[in-house]
Every structure is written in structure tokens, then in C-alpha cells.
Amino acid sequence: MNIIQCNIPGPLILEPKVFGDERGFFMESWNVSAFTQAGLDLTFVQDNHSHSQKGVLRGMHFQNPGPQGKLVRVVRGAVFDAVVDLRLSSPTFGKWTGVVLSAENKRMFWVPEGFAHGFLTLEDDTDFLYKCTAPYAPQHEASLAWDDPTVGITWPLEGLEVKLSAKDAMGLALHDVQAFA
């Protein structure tokens, strides 16, 4: 597995070894031994699957208390995946990083605890899978505004009509979120 550091400490882009031939391909998306050797000693408690049409923006979600680390990937379609550092003690507090994940590139993205997370679907019928280190706790979930100018995420919006849930349309400004210590 190839591990690519991001411009913010914590999130990682993971490129699995893919073995393919005329029949298709094989890859390991999770192997506790390989991930532990790579410095990612993780315990997952929940797997989620999201299906979306082109232009759906989900996020920027986080839970506090009960933060979730997430290992995310796309098995059909493509997304622009973004995270924002919400760790008050971090020198990169309020900074973001993002990556295109697709069925074609087979990349995975590690989102550590203490980050807001969201994605924009770039193709119809996109299937997004993620493993979580903590269970979903709706009473502790919050949303950072996806378009907060203080954060300034550069979403690839050209030619897209963004579709948001009512909850995500009510995302908080960075200075209003309950950040992590």
C-alpha cells in the first residue's frame, strides 16, 4: 500500500495494491496487519454505504463528543472528498485538504478523529463506503458549513448544481462549531 501524506497532519491518501488482468481486479481494502504496520492501528465498529446522484454534497459532518475516524472509498462513480481540521490545539485548525476518490483510481482516504468530513459527488449513481471507529451518535452530530468563507474549500463546482439536505444547508460557521480540544 502506498501512503500519501496530506498538507494537514493526520489525513492520509491510501493507494492499495491492485492486481488486475483481463478478468477484472483484486485488492485488499482493509487488512488489520497491513494497516497496523503502516502506523494505522484502528478498530472499526461500523460500516456505512451512501448512494448519491451527481451534485449531491454531504457534509461537513463531525461528532463531538464521540468523534469518528473514517476510512472512506468509492466503489462506483467519483467524489471530491474534503476534510477540515477542527482540533483547537492543532497548528492547522480551520485548514482543509481534499482528494478525488473514484472507482477508477481505487484510492482510499483516512479521516482521523477531530475533522469535519464531507464529499461532493462528481458522477451519477456514486457508491461511497466508509468504515468508522465510533458508532453514529445523532445527538452529537453537527455540520460545519460546506461553503464557510473562513475555511474556503475549493469545491469542483463547475457544471454542477449542488444538492444539500436541509441539515447540511444549516451548517455552522467555523467560529460557531464546538471544536475538539
C-alpha atoms as a PDB file:
ATOM      1  CA  MET A   1       0.000   0.000   0.000  1.00  0.00           C
ATOM      2  CA  ASN A   2       1.271   3.446  -0.923  1.00  0.00           C
ATOM      3  CA  ILE A   3       0.590   6.108   1.747  1.00  0.00           C
ATOM      4  CA  ILE A   4       0.497   9.769   0.691  1.00  0.00           C
ATOM      5  CA  GLN A   5       0.760  12.493   3.333  1.00  0.00           C
ATOM      6  CA  CYS A   6      -1.608  15.456   3.009  1.00  0.00           C
ATOM      7  CA  ASN A   7      -0.873  19.129   3.648  1.00  0.00           C
ATOM      8  CA  ILE A   8      -2.522  18.723   7.079  1.00  0.00           C
ATOM      9  CA  PRO A   9      -1.085  16.226   9.597  1.00  0.00           C
ATOM     10  CA  GLY A  10      -3.461  13.302  10.147  1.00  0.00           C
ATOM     11  CA  PRO A  11      -5.461  12.663   6.970  1.00  0.00           C
ATOM     12  CA  LEU A  12      -3.830  10.203   4.558  1.00  0.00           C
ATOM     13  CA  ILE A  13      -4.430   9.138   0.974  1.00  0.00           C
ATOM     14  CA  LEU A  14      -4.038   5.372   0.669  1.00  0.00           C
ATOM     15  CA  GLU A  15      -3.353   3.626  -2.628  1.00  0.00           C
ATOM     16  CA  PRO A  16      -3.875  -0.130  -2.273  1.00  0.00           C
ATOM     17  CA  LYS A  17      -2.024  -2.687  -4.341  1.00  0.00           C
ATOM     18  CA  VAL A  18      -4.360  -3.664  -7.152  1.00  0.00           C
ATOM     19  CA  PHE A  19      -3.881  -6.916  -9.042  1.00  0.00           C
ATOM     20  CA  GLY A  20      -5.703  -6.987 -12.343  1.00  0.00           C
ATOM     21  CA  ASP A  21      -5.942  -8.857 -15.601  1.00  0.00           C
ATOM     22  CA  GLU A  22      -8.485  -9.359 -18.373  1.00  0.00           C
ATOM     23  CA  ARG A  23     -10.931 -10.875 -15.846  1.00  0.00           C
ATOM     24  CA  GLY A  24     -11.005  -7.842 -13.538  1.00  0.00           C
ATOM     25  CA  PHE A  25      -9.062  -6.943 -10.402  1.00  0.00           C
ATOM     26  CA  PHE A  26      -8.429  -7.839  -6.765  1.00  0.00           C
ATOM     27  CA  MET A  27      -7.382  -5.567  -3.902  1.00  0.00           C
ATOM     28  CA  GLU A  28      -7.457  -5.567  -0.129  1.00  0.00           C
ATOM     29  CA  SER A  29      -9.441  -2.602   1.157  1.00  0.00           C
ATOM     30  CA  TRP A  30      -8.783  -3.480   4.798  1.00  0.00           C
ATOM     31  CA  ASN A  31      -6.184  -5.720   6.418  1.00  0.00           C
ATOM     32  CA  VAL A  32      -5.563  -5.151  10.124  1.00  0.00           C
ATOM     33  CA  SER A  33      -1.947  -6.360   9.922  1.00  0.00           C
ATOM     34  CA  ALA A  34      -1.019  -4.226   6.898  1.00  0.00           C
ATOM     35  CA  PHE A  35      -2.673  -1.110   8.321  1.00  0.00           C
ATOM     36  CA  THR A  36      -1.059  -1.611  11.744  1.00  0.00           C
ATOM     37  CA  GLN A  37       2.361  -1.980  10.076  1.00  0.00           C
ATOM     38  CA  ALA A  38       1.635   1.304   8.274  1.00  0.00           C
ATOM     39  CA  GLY A  39       1.014   3.014  11.625  1.00  0.00           C
ATOM     40  CA  LEU A  40      -2.784   2.886  11.474  1.00  0.00           C
ATOM     41  CA  ASP A  41      -3.739   0.742  14.472  1.00  0.00           C
ATOM     42  CA  LEU A  42      -7.508   1.078  14.082  1.00  0.00           C
ATOM     43  CA  THR A  43     -10.609  -0.610  15.403  1.00  0.00           C
ATOM     44  CA  PHE A  44     -13.731  -0.178  13.306  1.00  0.00           C
ATOM     45  CA  VAL A  45     -17.210  -0.564  14.789  1.00  0.00           C
ATOM     46  CA  GLN A  46     -19.486   0.398  11.899  1.00  0.00           C
ATOM     47  CA  ASP A  47     -19.557   0.231   8.085  1.00  0.00           C
ATOM     48  CA  ASN A  48     -21.709   2.646   6.045  1.00  0.00           C
ATOM     49  CA  HIS A  49     -22.745   2.850   2.400  1.00  0.00           C
ATOM     50  CA  SER A  50     -24.017   6.039   0.746  1.00  0.00           C
ATOM     51  CA  HIS A  51     -25.531   6.169  -2.765  1.00  0.00           C
ATOM     52  CA  SER A  52     -25.873   9.588  -4.420  1.00  0.00           C
ATOM     53  CA  GLN A  53     -26.538  11.283  -7.722  1.00  0.00           C
ATOM     54  CA  LYS A  54     -24.207  13.826  -9.331  1.00  0.00           C
ATOM     55  CA  GLY A  55     -24.028  17.141  -7.473  1.00  0.00           C
ATOM     56  CA  VAL A  56     -25.022  15.844  -4.030  1.00  0.00           C
ATOM     57  CA  LEU A  57     -22.905  17.409  -1.301  1.00  0.00           C
ATOM     58  CA  ARG A  58     -22.906  15.597   2.032  1.00  0.00           C
ATOM     59  CA  GLY A  59     -21.162  17.330   4.910  1.00  0.00           C
ATOM     60  CA  MET A  60     -19.217  18.774   6.517  1.00  0.00           C
ATOM     61  CA  HIS A  61     -20.101  16.343   9.335  1.00  0.00           C
ATOM     62  CA  PHE A  62     -18.476  15.632  12.692  1.00  0.00           C
ATOM     63  CA  GLN A  63     -19.444  14.322  16.122  1.00  0.00           C
ATOM     64  CA  ASN A  64     -18.396  15.964  19.374  1.00  0.00           C
ATOM     65  CA  PRO A  65     -18.293  14.191  21.736  1.00  0.00           C
ATOM     66  CA  GLY A  66     -17.839  10.739  20.226  1.00  0.00           C
ATOM     67  CA  PRO A  67     -15.655  11.665  17.243  1.00  0.00           C
ATOM     68  CA  GLN A  68     -15.392   9.167  14.403  1.00  0.00           C
ATOM     69  CA  GLY A  69     -12.308   8.262  12.425  1.00  0.00           C
ATOM     70  CA  LYS A  70     -13.335   7.183   8.920  1.00  0.00           C
ATOM     71  CA  LEU A  71     -11.702   5.104   6.209  1.00  0.00           C
ATOM     72  CA  VAL A  72     -13.551   6.138   3.045  1.00  0.00           C
ATOM     73  CA  ARG A  73     -13.574   4.952  -0.561  1.00  0.00           C
ATOM     74  CA  VAL A  74     -15.705   4.950  -3.706  1.00  0.00           C
ATOM     75  CA  VAL A  75     -16.700   1.680  -5.416  1.00  0.00           C
ATOM     76  CA  ARG A  76     -18.803   3.234  -8.201  1.00  0.00           C
ATOM     77  CA  GLY A  77     -18.614   6.764  -9.564  1.00  0.00           C
ATOM     78  CA  ALA A  78     -16.455   9.568  -8.151  1.00  0.00           C
ATOM     79  CA  VAL A  79     -16.400  12.191  -5.397  1.00  0.00           C
ATOM     80  CA  PHE A  80     -14.345  15.127  -4.278  1.00  0.00           C
ATOM     81  CA  ASP A  81     -13.736  14.310  -0.618  1.00  0.00           C
ATOM     82  CA  ALA A  82     -12.756  17.059   1.828  1.00  0.00           C
ATOM     83  CA  VAL A  83     -11.853  17.382   5.490  1.00  0.00           C
ATOM     84  CA  VAL A  84     -11.378  20.362   7.810  1.00  0.00           C
ATOM     85  CA  ASP A  85      -9.168  20.272  10.896  1.00  0.00           C
ATOM     86  CA  LEU A  86     -11.330  21.069  13.946  1.00  0.00           C
ATOM     87  CA  ARG A  87      -8.626  20.392  16.561  1.00  0.00           C
ATOM     88  CA  LEU A  88      -8.152  23.646  18.509  1.00  0.00           C
ATOM     89  CA  SER A  89      -4.664  22.584  19.607  1.00  0.00           C
ATOM     90  CA  SER A  90      -3.556  21.961  16.017  1.00  0.00           C
ATOM     91  CA  PRO A  91      -1.469  24.493  14.086  1.00  0.00           C
ATOM     92  CA  THR A  92      -3.696  23.666  11.089  1.00  0.00           C
ATOM     93  CA  PHE A  93      -7.008  24.368  12.869  1.00  0.00           C
ATOM     94  CA  GLY A  94      -9.576  25.516  10.276  1.00  0.00           C
ATOM     95  CA  LYS A  95      -7.476  24.337   7.305  1.00  0.00           C
ATOM     96  CA  TRP A  96      -8.785  21.866   4.745  1.00  0.00           C
ATOM     97  CA  THR A  97      -7.493  19.245   2.366  1.00  0.00           C
ATOM     98  CA  GLY A  98      -9.257  17.239  -0.314  1.00  0.00           C
ATOM     99  CA  VAL A  99      -8.840  14.419  -2.798  1.00  0.00           C
ATOM    100  CA  VAL A 100     -10.748  12.870  -5.695  1.00  0.00           C
ATOM    101  CA  LEU A 101     -11.797   9.317  -4.884  1.00  0.00           C
ATOM    102  CA  SER A 102     -13.203   7.156  -7.654  1.00  0.00           C
ATOM    103  CA  ALA A 103     -13.953   3.603  -8.637  1.00  0.00           C
ATOM    104  CA  GLU A 104     -11.269   4.057 -11.264  1.00  0.00           C
ATOM    105  CA  ASN A 105      -8.395   5.276  -9.032  1.00  0.00           C
ATOM    106  CA  LYS A 106      -9.364   2.976  -6.112  1.00  0.00           C
ATOM    107  CA  ARG A 107      -7.831   5.403  -3.617  1.00  0.00           C
ATOM    108  CA  MET A 108      -8.924   5.427   0.000  1.00  0.00           C
ATOM    109  CA  PHE A 109      -8.833   8.374   2.388  1.00  0.00           C
ATOM    110  CA  TRP A 110      -8.154   8.142   6.123  1.00  0.00           C
ATOM    111  CA  VAL A 111     -10.067  10.835   8.047  1.00  0.00           C
ATOM    112  CA  PRO A 112      -8.877  10.921  11.667  1.00  0.00           C
ATOM    113  CA  GLU A 113     -10.989  11.901  14.657  1.00  0.00           C
ATOM    114  CA  GLY A 114     -11.187  15.670  15.116  1.00  0.00           C
ATOM    115  CA  PHE A 115     -12.003  16.532  11.496  1.00  0.00           C
ATOM    116  CA  ALA A 116     -15.191  17.615   9.757  1.00  0.00           C
ATOM    117  CA  HIS A 117     -15.766  15.457   6.684  1.00  0.00           C
ATOM    118  CA  GLY A 118     -17.809  15.811   3.528  1.00  0.00           C
ATOM    119  CA  PHE A 119     -17.947  14.921  -0.143  1.00  0.00           C
ATOM    120  CA  LEU A 120     -19.374  16.143  -3.426  1.00  0.00           C
ATOM    121  CA  THR A 121     -20.465  13.517  -5.951  1.00  0.00           C
ATOM    122  CA  LEU A 122     -18.999  14.063  -9.407  1.00  0.00           C
ATOM    123  CA  GLU A 123     -20.957  11.316 -11.210  1.00  0.00           C
ATOM    124  CA  ASP A 124     -24.460   9.859 -11.079  1.00  0.00           C
ATOM    125  CA  ASP A 125     -25.006   6.628  -9.141  1.00  0.00           C
ATOM    126  CA  THR A 126     -21.932   7.057  -6.935  1.00  0.00           C
ATOM    127  CA  ASP A 127     -21.470   4.494  -4.169  1.00  0.00           C
ATOM    128  CA  PHE A 128     -19.388   5.717  -1.230  1.00  0.00           C
ATOM    129  CA  LEU A 129     -18.287   3.279   1.507  1.00  0.00           C
ATOM    130  CA  TYR A 130     -16.790   4.098   4.874  1.00  0.00           C
ATOM    131  CA  LYS A 131     -15.638   2.324   7.986  1.00  0.00           C
ATOM    132  CA  CYS A 132     -16.000   4.205  11.301  1.00  0.00           C
ATOM    133  CA  THR A 133     -14.058   3.960  14.568  1.00  0.00           C
ATOM    134  CA  ALA A 134     -17.069   5.033  16.666  1.00  0.00           C
ATOM    135  CA  PRO A 135     -20.803   4.486  16.256  1.00  0.00           C
ATOM    136  CA  TYR A 136     -23.057   7.144  14.796  1.00  0.00           C
ATOM    137  CA  ALA A 137     -24.464   9.330  17.578  1.00  0.00           C
ATOM    138  CA  PRO A 138     -27.114  11.669  16.105  1.00  0.00           C
ATOM    139  CA  GLN A 139     -27.392  13.628  19.357  1.00  0.00           C
ATOM    140  CA  HIS A 140     -23.716  14.662  18.986  1.00  0.00           C
ATOM    141  CA  GLU A 141     -23.603  15.222  15.222  1.00  0.00           C
ATOM    142  CA  ALA A 142     -23.016  18.695  13.833  1.00  0.00           C
ATOM    143  CA  SER A 143     -22.251  20.223  10.443  1.00  0.00           C
ATOM    144  CA  LEU A 144     -19.689  22.825   9.522  1.00  0.00           C
ATOM    145  CA  ALA A 145     -20.935  24.980   6.643  1.00  0.00           C
ATOM    146  CA  TRP A 146     -19.602  23.472   3.426  1.00  0.00           C
ATOM    147  CA  ASP A 147     -19.115  26.953   1.979  1.00  0.00           C
ATOM    148  CA  ASP A 148     -17.730  28.773   5.035  1.00  0.00           C
ATOM    149  CA  PRO A 149     -15.521  31.536   3.562  1.00  0.00           C
ATOM    150  CA  THR A 150     -13.209  31.369   6.579  1.00  0.00           C
ATOM    151  CA  VAL A 151     -12.307  27.782   5.595  1.00  0.00           C
ATOM    152  CA  GLY A 152     -12.501  28.341   1.832  1.00  0.00           C
ATOM    153  CA  ILE A 153     -12.793  24.799   0.484  1.00  0.00           C
ATOM    154  CA  THR A 154     -12.272  24.855  -3.284  1.00  0.00           C
ATOM    155  CA  TRP A 155     -15.054  22.521  -4.394  1.00  0.00           C
ATOM    156  CA  PRO A 156     -15.053  21.484  -8.094  1.00  0.00           C
ATOM    157  CA  LEU A 157     -18.468  23.018  -8.747  1.00  0.00           C
ATOM    158  CA  GLU A 158     -18.185  23.826 -12.463  1.00  0.00           C
ATOM    159  CA  GLY A 159     -21.238  22.481 -14.256  1.00  0.00           C
ATOM    160  CA  LEU A 160     -22.806  21.156 -11.045  1.00  0.00           C
ATOM    161  CA  GLU A 161     -25.972  22.154  -9.255  1.00  0.00           C
ATOM    162  CA  VAL A 162     -25.263  21.436  -5.581  1.00  0.00           C
ATOM    163  CA  LYS A 163     -27.937  19.426  -3.797  1.00  0.00           C
ATOM    164  CA  LEU A 164     -27.908  19.629   0.027  1.00  0.00           C
ATOM    165  CA  SER A 165     -30.006  18.091   2.776  1.00  0.00           C
ATOM    166  CA  ALA A 166     -31.892  20.573   4.968  1.00  0.00           C
ATOM    167  CA  LYS A 167     -29.492  19.738   7.800  1.00  0.00           C
ATOM    168  CA  ASP A 168     -26.388  20.379   5.700  1.00  0.00           C
ATOM    169  CA  ALA A 169     -27.822  23.658   4.410  1.00  0.00           C
ATOM    170  CA  MET A 170     -27.860  24.815   8.055  1.00  0.00           C
ATOM    171  CA  GLY A 171     -24.144  24.120   8.673  1.00  0.00           C
ATOM    172  CA  LEU A 172     -22.383  26.301  11.222  1.00  0.00           C
ATOM    173  CA  ALA A 173     -19.621  28.809  10.604  1.00  0.00           C
ATOM    174  CA  LEU A 174     -16.174  27.727  11.820  1.00  0.00           C
ATOM    175  CA  HIS A 175     -16.258  30.168  14.729  1.00  0.00           C
ATOM    176  CA  ASP A 176     -19.589  28.656  15.913  1.00  0.00           C
ATOM    177  CA  VAL A 177     -18.676  24.952  15.941  1.00  0.00           C
ATOM    178  CA  GLN A 178     -17.835  23.034  19.089  1.00  0.00           C
ATOM    179  CA  ALA A 179     -14.246  22.235  18.140  1.00  0.00           C
ATOM    180  CA  PHE A 180     -12.070  19.491  19.630  1.00  0.00           C
ATOM    181  CA  ALA A 181      -9.506  20.174  22.390  1.00  0.00           C
END
